[in-house]
Amino acid sequence: MKINNSFLLIRNLSIYFYAKKKIIKAVDGVTLEVKKGETVGIAGESGCGKSTLARSILRLVPPPGEIVSGEILYKRSNILKINDQQLRNIRGNKISIIFQDPSIYLNPTVSIGKQICDVIMAHNNVSFKNARSKTIQLLDELEIQEPGDRFKNFPYEFSGGMKQRVLIAMAISCNPELVIADEPTTALDVTIQRQILELIKGKLIKKDSSFLFITHDLGILAEICDRIYIMYAGSIVEQAKATDLFQKPLHPYTQKLLAAIPRHDIRKELTEIKGSPPRLDNLPIGCSFYPRCDIHTEKCYQERPPLYKVDEDHFVRCYNV
């Protein structure tokens, strides 16, 4: 697959977890690119490797996980090869990440204002006074009422939606070139999900920045993405422009994911995807989707399909396309 003008390029990346004499292939030979100013989505069921892939971009894969092969190129510099100081200059500054559960990633003993200020001062030569002013401005832009007073509050004094806004403020506080959102609305109720999504669309997705949005909800990606990657069992099974993916999904897994999305304009029964994803420590020899696929052949069982090029920007890992 020929890839040009990549702002972020993940190439042939494999991440394994070693536990109790088992090898769990969380990410298996993934290639993915994000171009400057582009919004890219990654979708798939829980456990398919999306979050592990996202964490690997900033070398945040927890033990016993290990990046066993591949490259992560940011502006042609391999993040897996740079030293700790260079990595610190990138984390939170050039590339930031929004995690899905703010209660875990906010320090309960430090005010939210101080936590955001710490990020700003860590990457910019500014005083606490200037960082505080920037923080209050961010909180106001993210529609947190009375930001000057809330600056002094602790995480337990915020609702789930408000804490997610704080994480967003931290993510954009240094004007990063790439923002990664790892299922940022999963832990919120439907109404708050919509509010957070609108904030993300309005505040994060800008003309001169890049955005990587990870979710199991294809409906969200339809609204914001230029291109979408579909992951299954640690691998990319289809990638295409967002419009092409929704108009002409090719992989049986993508088709089933789309058929399971409820629509307000069409009355129909939702289609379930029968069975469960394979265990990542015991993947099938051939296509990983073979046991759940309605159109499989003997070849699908015997040999893993490559990623076929269907169109200029459309690739699919399936023999039966």
Protein backbone atom coordinates (compact mmCIF):
# COMPACT_ATOMS: atom_id res chain seq x y z
CA MET A 1 0.00 0.00 0.00
CA LYS A 2 1.54 3.32 -1.09
CA ILE A 3 1.26 6.09 1.49
CA ASN A 4 2.24 9.72 0.86
CA ASN A 5 2.13 13.02 2.74
CA SER A 6 1.52 11.34 6.08
CA PHE A 7 1.51 13.55 9.15
CA LEU A 8 1.26 10.49 11.38
CA LEU A 9 2.06 7.08 9.92
CA ILE A 10 1.72 3.81 11.81
CA ARG A 11 3.32 1.06 9.75
CA ASN A 12 3.04 -2.70 10.30
CA LEU A 13 2.59 -2.24 14.06
CA SER A 14 2.19 -5.28 16.30
CA ILE A 15 1.59 -5.12 20.06
CA TYR A 16 1.51 -8.29 22.13
CA PHE A 17 0.69 -8.90 25.77
CA TYR A 18 2.54 -11.74 27.48
CA ALA A 19 0.64 -13.32 30.37
CA LYS A 20 0.58 -16.83 31.87
CA LYS A 21 2.50 -18.34 28.95
CA LYS A 22 0.01 -16.87 26.48
CA ILE A 23 0.64 -14.35 23.72
CA ILE A 24 -2.29 -11.95 23.28
CA LYS A 25 -2.05 -10.23 19.89
CA ALA A 26 -3.83 -7.00 20.75
CA VAL A 27 -2.61 -5.22 17.60
CA ASP A 28 -1.42 -7.35 14.71
CA GLY A 29 0.32 -5.75 11.73
CA VAL A 30 -1.67 -2.49 11.61
CA THR A 31 -0.87 0.27 9.11
CA LEU A 32 -2.69 3.57 9.50
CA GLU A 33 -2.12 7.16 8.46
CA VAL A 34 -3.41 10.59 9.46
CA LYS A 35 -2.76 13.53 7.17
CA LYS A 36 -2.39 17.14 8.22
CA GLY A 37 -5.79 18.70 8.88
CA GLU A 38 -7.59 15.35 8.55
CA THR A 39 -10.09 13.73 10.89
CA VAL A 40 -9.70 9.95 10.97
CA GLY A 41 -11.91 7.44 12.78
CA ILE A 42 -11.22 3.95 14.10
CA ALA A 43 -14.23 1.75 14.82
CA GLY A 44 -14.81 -1.78 16.04
CA GLU A 45 -16.22 -3.85 18.89
CA SER A 46 -14.78 -3.70 22.39
CA GLY A 47 -11.56 -5.68 22.66
CA CYS A 48 -10.52 -5.28 19.03
CA GLY A 49 -7.35 -3.30 19.88
CA LYS A 50 -8.49 0.29 19.32
CA SER A 51 -7.37 1.71 22.68
CA THR A 52 -4.10 -0.21 22.67
CA LEU A 53 -3.35 1.24 19.24
CA ALA A 54 -4.16 4.76 20.48
CA ARG A 55 -1.94 4.45 23.56
CA SER A 56 0.95 3.15 21.50
CA ILE A 57 1.19 6.45 19.60
CA LEU A 58 2.49 8.08 22.80
CA ARG A 59 4.22 4.93 24.06
CA LEU A 60 1.65 4.44 26.81
CA VAL A 61 1.09 0.70 26.36
CA PRO A 62 0.95 -0.71 29.92
CA PRO A 63 2.94 -3.80 30.93
CA PRO A 64 2.90 -6.69 30.19
CA GLY A 65 2.23 -5.19 26.76
CA GLU A 66 5.11 -4.83 24.32
CA ILE A 67 5.45 -3.26 20.89
CA VAL A 68 7.13 -6.12 19.06
CA SER A 69 7.42 -4.70 15.55
CA GLY A 70 6.56 -1.77 13.33
CA GLU A 71 7.02 1.99 13.26
CA ILE A 72 5.10 5.03 14.49
CA LEU A 73 6.27 7.97 12.39
CA TYR A 74 5.35 11.48 13.46
CA LYS A 75 6.63 13.93 10.85
CA ARG A 76 8.94 11.12 9.69
CA SER A 77 10.49 10.75 13.16
CA ASN A 78 9.97 7.30 14.70
CA ILE A 79 8.34 7.80 18.12
CA LEU A 80 9.48 4.32 19.13
CA LYS A 81 13.13 5.38 18.72
CA ILE A 82 13.24 8.86 20.30
CA ASN A 83 14.59 9.45 23.81
CA ASP A 84 12.51 10.27 26.90
CA GLN A 85 13.08 14.03 26.69
CA GLN A 86 11.97 14.15 23.06
CA LEU A 87 8.92 12.06 23.99
CA ARG A 88 8.00 14.45 26.81
CA ASN A 89 8.16 17.35 24.35
CA ILE A 90 5.60 15.55 22.16
CA ARG A 91 3.20 14.22 24.81
CA GLY A 92 0.50 16.74 25.65
CA ASN A 93 2.22 19.36 23.52
CA LYS A 94 2.36 18.18 19.89
CA ILE A 95 0.13 15.14 20.37
CA SER A 96 -2.50 14.92 23.13
CA ILE A 97 -5.03 12.29 24.11
CA ILE A 98 -8.50 12.37 25.67
CA PHE A 99 -9.25 9.20 27.61
CA GLN A 100 -12.70 7.69 28.03
CA ASP A 101 -13.01 7.77 31.84
CA PRO A 102 -12.06 11.17 33.32
CA SER A 103 -12.45 9.90 36.90
CA ILE A 104 -9.36 7.74 36.40
CA TYR A 105 -7.17 10.36 34.77
CA LEU A 106 -7.85 13.37 37.00
CA ASN A 107 -5.95 13.63 40.30
CA PRO A 108 -8.61 13.76 43.07
CA THR A 109 -6.28 15.70 45.41
CA VAL A 110 -5.48 18.58 43.03
CA SER A 111 -7.87 21.28 41.79
CA ILE A 112 -8.86 20.99 38.14
CA GLY A 113 -7.44 24.44 37.42
CA LYS A 114 -4.05 23.52 38.83
CA GLN A 115 -4.00 20.31 36.77
CA ILE A 116 -4.61 22.18 33.53
CA CYS A 117 -2.07 24.87 34.48
CA ASP A 118 0.55 22.18 35.08
CA VAL A 119 0.13 20.94 31.50
CA ILE A 120 0.44 24.46 30.09
CA MET A 121 3.52 25.34 32.16
CA ALA A 122 5.20 22.01 31.40
CA HIS A 123 5.35 22.85 27.70
CA ASN A 124 5.41 26.66 27.64
CA ASN A 125 7.63 29.25 29.29
CA VAL A 126 4.78 31.05 31.04
CA SER A 127 4.02 32.09 34.60
CA PHE A 128 1.30 30.52 36.73
CA LYS A 129 -0.67 33.76 36.36
CA ASN A 130 -0.67 33.49 32.56
CA ALA A 131 -1.41 29.74 32.69
CA ARG A 132 -4.33 30.44 35.03
CA SER A 133 -5.71 33.04 32.63
CA LYS A 134 -5.44 30.57 29.73
CA THR A 135 -7.11 27.85 31.81
CA ILE A 136 -10.07 30.04 32.75
CA GLN A 137 -10.47 30.98 29.09
CA LEU A 138 -10.50 27.30 28.09
CA LEU A 139 -13.06 26.40 30.75
CA ASP A 140 -15.26 29.24 29.53
CA GLU A 141 -14.95 28.10 25.89
CA LEU A 142 -15.96 24.60 26.98
CA GLU A 143 -19.11 26.03 28.59
CA ILE A 144 -18.20 25.46 32.22
CA GLN A 145 -20.16 28.06 34.16
CA GLU A 146 -18.28 30.55 36.40
CA PRO A 147 -14.86 29.28 35.27
CA GLY A 148 -13.00 31.57 37.63
CA ASP A 149 -14.65 29.98 40.64
CA ARG A 150 -14.62 26.45 39.24
CA PHE A 151 -10.86 26.74 38.69
CA LYS A 152 -10.41 26.03 42.41
CA ASN A 153 -12.78 23.04 42.53
CA PHE A 154 -11.68 19.42 42.80
CA PRO A 155 -12.75 16.63 40.41
CA TYR A 156 -15.32 15.18 42.86
CA GLU A 157 -17.19 18.50 42.63
CA PHE A 158 -17.81 17.98 38.89
CA SER A 159 -20.29 15.75 37.08
CA GLY A 160 -19.07 13.16 34.57
CA GLY A 161 -19.76 15.48 31.64
CA MET A 162 -17.97 18.38 33.31
CA LYS A 163 -14.94 16.22 34.08
CA GLN A 164 -14.79 15.17 30.44
CA ARG A 165 -14.75 18.86 29.50
CA VAL A 166 -11.80 19.30 31.84
CA LEU A 167 -9.93 16.51 30.02
CA ILE A 168 -10.73 18.21 26.71
CA ALA A 169 -9.37 21.50 28.10
CA MET A 170 -6.15 19.72 29.09
CA ALA A 171 -5.91 18.12 25.64
CA ILE A 172 -6.17 21.39 23.71
CA SER A 173 -4.37 23.64 26.22
CA CYS A 174 -1.08 23.61 24.26
CA ASN A 175 -2.66 23.78 20.80
CA PRO A 176 -1.49 20.28 19.74
CA GLU A 177 -1.09 19.31 16.11
CA LEU A 178 -2.85 15.98 16.70
CA VAL A 179 -5.59 15.16 19.21
CA ILE A 180 -6.47 11.52 19.91
CA ALA A 181 -9.89 10.88 21.44
CA ASP A 182 -10.20 7.36 22.88
CA GLU A 183 -13.96 6.79 23.19
CA PRO A 184 -14.45 10.12 25.00
CA THR A 185 -18.25 9.79 25.26
CA THR A 186 -18.56 6.12 26.28
CA ALA A 187 -18.96 6.74 30.03
CA LEU A 188 -21.61 9.47 29.60
CA ASP A 189 -25.36 9.39 29.19
CA VAL A 190 -26.89 10.08 25.78
CA THR A 191 -27.68 13.76 26.34
CA ILE A 192 -24.21 14.57 27.65
CA GLN A 193 -22.66 12.50 24.84
CA ARG A 194 -24.30 14.81 22.32
CA GLN A 195 -23.05 17.92 24.12
CA ILE A 196 -19.48 16.60 24.29
CA LEU A 197 -19.58 15.58 20.62
CA GLU A 198 -20.72 19.07 19.62
CA LEU A 199 -17.86 20.56 21.66
CA ILE A 200 -15.38 18.24 19.99
CA LYS A 201 -16.68 19.16 16.55
CA GLY A 202 -16.57 22.87 17.38
CA LYS A 203 -13.37 23.16 19.41
CA LEU A 204 -11.05 20.33 18.40
CA ILE A 205 -11.66 19.66 14.72
CA LYS A 206 -10.02 22.66 13.15
CA LYS A 207 -8.69 23.31 9.68
CA ASP A 208 -5.02 23.27 10.65
CA SER A 209 -5.04 20.35 13.13
CA SER A 210 -5.44 16.59 12.86
CA PHE A 211 -7.82 14.44 14.84
CA LEU A 212 -8.01 10.70 15.54
CA PHE A 213 -11.37 9.60 16.97
CA ILE A 214 -11.73 6.08 18.37
CA THR A 215 -15.15 4.61 19.10
CA HIS A 216 -17.44 1.62 18.65
CA ASP A 217 -20.19 4.00 17.44
CA LEU A 218 -20.10 4.38 13.66
CA GLY A 219 -22.89 6.93 13.87
CA ILE A 220 -20.50 9.39 15.54
CA LEU A 221 -17.80 8.84 12.92
CA ALA A 222 -20.30 9.54 10.13
CA GLU A 223 -20.65 13.09 11.44
CA ILE A 224 -17.03 14.08 11.85
CA CYS A 225 -14.60 11.89 9.88
CA ASP A 226 -12.87 12.21 6.52
CA ARG A 227 -11.69 8.58 6.54
CA ILE A 228 -12.51 5.54 8.69
CA TYR A 229 -10.62 2.38 9.63
CA ILE A 230 -12.55 -0.70 10.78
CA MET A 231 -10.68 -2.92 13.26
CA TYR A 232 -11.46 -6.50 14.11
CA ALA A 233 -9.42 -8.82 16.34
CA GLY A 234 -6.37 -6.56 16.29
CA SER A 235 -6.28 -5.96 12.52
CA ILE A 236 -7.62 -3.46 10.02
CA VAL A 237 -10.27 -5.20 7.91
CA GLU A 238 -11.47 -2.20 5.89
CA GLN A 239 -10.47 1.41 5.34
CA ALA A 240 -12.09 4.04 3.15
CA LYS A 241 -13.30 7.59 2.88
CA ALA A 242 -16.24 8.04 5.24
CA THR A 243 -18.72 8.62 2.41
CA ASP A 244 -17.55 5.49 0.56
CA LEU A 245 -17.65 3.34 3.67
CA PHE A 246 -21.25 4.21 4.45
CA GLN A 247 -22.45 4.07 0.84
CA LYS A 248 -20.57 0.93 -0.17
CA PRO A 249 -19.28 -1.13 2.78
CA LEU A 250 -17.39 -4.15 1.45
CA HIS A 251 -16.23 -6.27 4.37
CA PRO A 252 -18.95 -8.50 5.90
CA TYR A 253 -18.03 -7.18 9.35
CA THR A 254 -18.45 -3.55 8.28
CA GLN A 255 -21.79 -4.41 6.69
CA LYS A 256 -23.00 -6.04 9.90
CA LEU A 257 -21.83 -3.08 12.02
CA LEU A 258 -23.78 -0.67 9.83
CA ALA A 259 -26.86 -2.93 9.84
CA ALA A 260 -26.83 -2.79 13.65
CA ILE A 261 -27.13 1.02 13.77
CA PRO A 262 -30.66 2.22 14.59
CA ARG A 263 -32.09 4.76 12.12
CA HIS A 264 -34.92 7.21 12.74
CA ASP A 265 -35.92 7.36 9.05
CA ILE A 266 -36.29 3.61 8.47
CA ARG A 267 -38.35 1.18 10.54
CA LYS A 268 -36.58 -2.17 10.60
CA GLU A 269 -35.31 -4.76 12.99
CA LEU A 270 -31.71 -4.31 14.02
CA THR A 271 -29.37 -7.03 12.83
CA GLU A 272 -27.18 -8.64 15.44
CA ILE A 273 -23.69 -9.94 14.77
CA LYS A 274 -23.90 -13.55 15.85
CA GLY A 275 -21.16 -15.04 17.96
CA SER A 276 -18.24 -13.28 19.62
CA PRO A 277 -14.87 -12.00 18.46
CA PRO A 278 -12.10 -14.62 18.69
CA ARG A 279 -9.75 -14.74 21.64
CA LEU A 280 -6.65 -12.74 20.83
CA ASP A 281 -4.45 -15.49 22.26
CA ASN A 282 -6.02 -18.06 19.93
CA LEU A 283 -6.75 -16.39 16.60
CA PRO A 284 -7.99 -18.48 13.66
CA ILE A 285 -5.39 -19.53 11.09
CA GLY A 286 -7.22 -17.75 8.27
CA CYS A 287 -9.63 -14.81 8.36
CA SER A 288 -10.37 -13.82 11.96
CA PHE A 289 -14.01 -13.07 11.03
CA TYR A 290 -14.51 -16.49 9.42
CA PRO A 291 -16.57 -18.05 12.29
CA ARG A 292 -19.13 -15.21 12.18
CA CYS A 293 -19.24 -14.62 8.43
CA ASP A 294 -22.20 -15.65 6.23
CA ILE A 295 -20.24 -15.76 2.95
CA HIS A 296 -17.05 -17.55 3.99
CA THR A 297 -15.34 -20.15 1.83
CA GLU A 298 -12.78 -22.85 2.59
CA LYS A 299 -9.99 -20.48 1.58
CA CYS A 300 -11.08 -18.04 4.31
CA TYR A 301 -10.44 -20.75 6.89
CA GLN A 302 -7.06 -21.79 5.52
CA GLU A 303 -5.31 -18.49 4.83
CA ARG A 304 -5.50 -14.93 6.18
CA PRO A 305 -6.58 -12.57 3.40
CA PRO A 306 -4.35 -9.61 2.54
CA LEU A 307 -5.59 -6.02 2.44
CA TYR A 308 -6.85 -5.66 -1.14
CA LYS A 309 -6.98 -2.30 -2.89
CA VAL A 310 -10.48 -1.78 -4.30
CA ASP A 311 -10.23 1.91 -5.09
CA GLU A 312 -7.68 4.67 -4.58
CA ASP A 313 -8.66 5.13 -0.93
CA HIS A 314 -10.64 1.94 -0.31
CA PHE A 315 -8.98 -1.24 1.01
CA VAL A 316 -10.58 -4.41 2.35
CA ARG A 317 -9.27 -7.64 3.90
CA CYS A 318 -11.61 -10.16 2.29
CA TYR A 319 -11.42 -12.80 -0.46
CA ASN A 320 -15.07 -12.47 -1.43
CA VAL A 321 -15.23 -8.86 -2.63
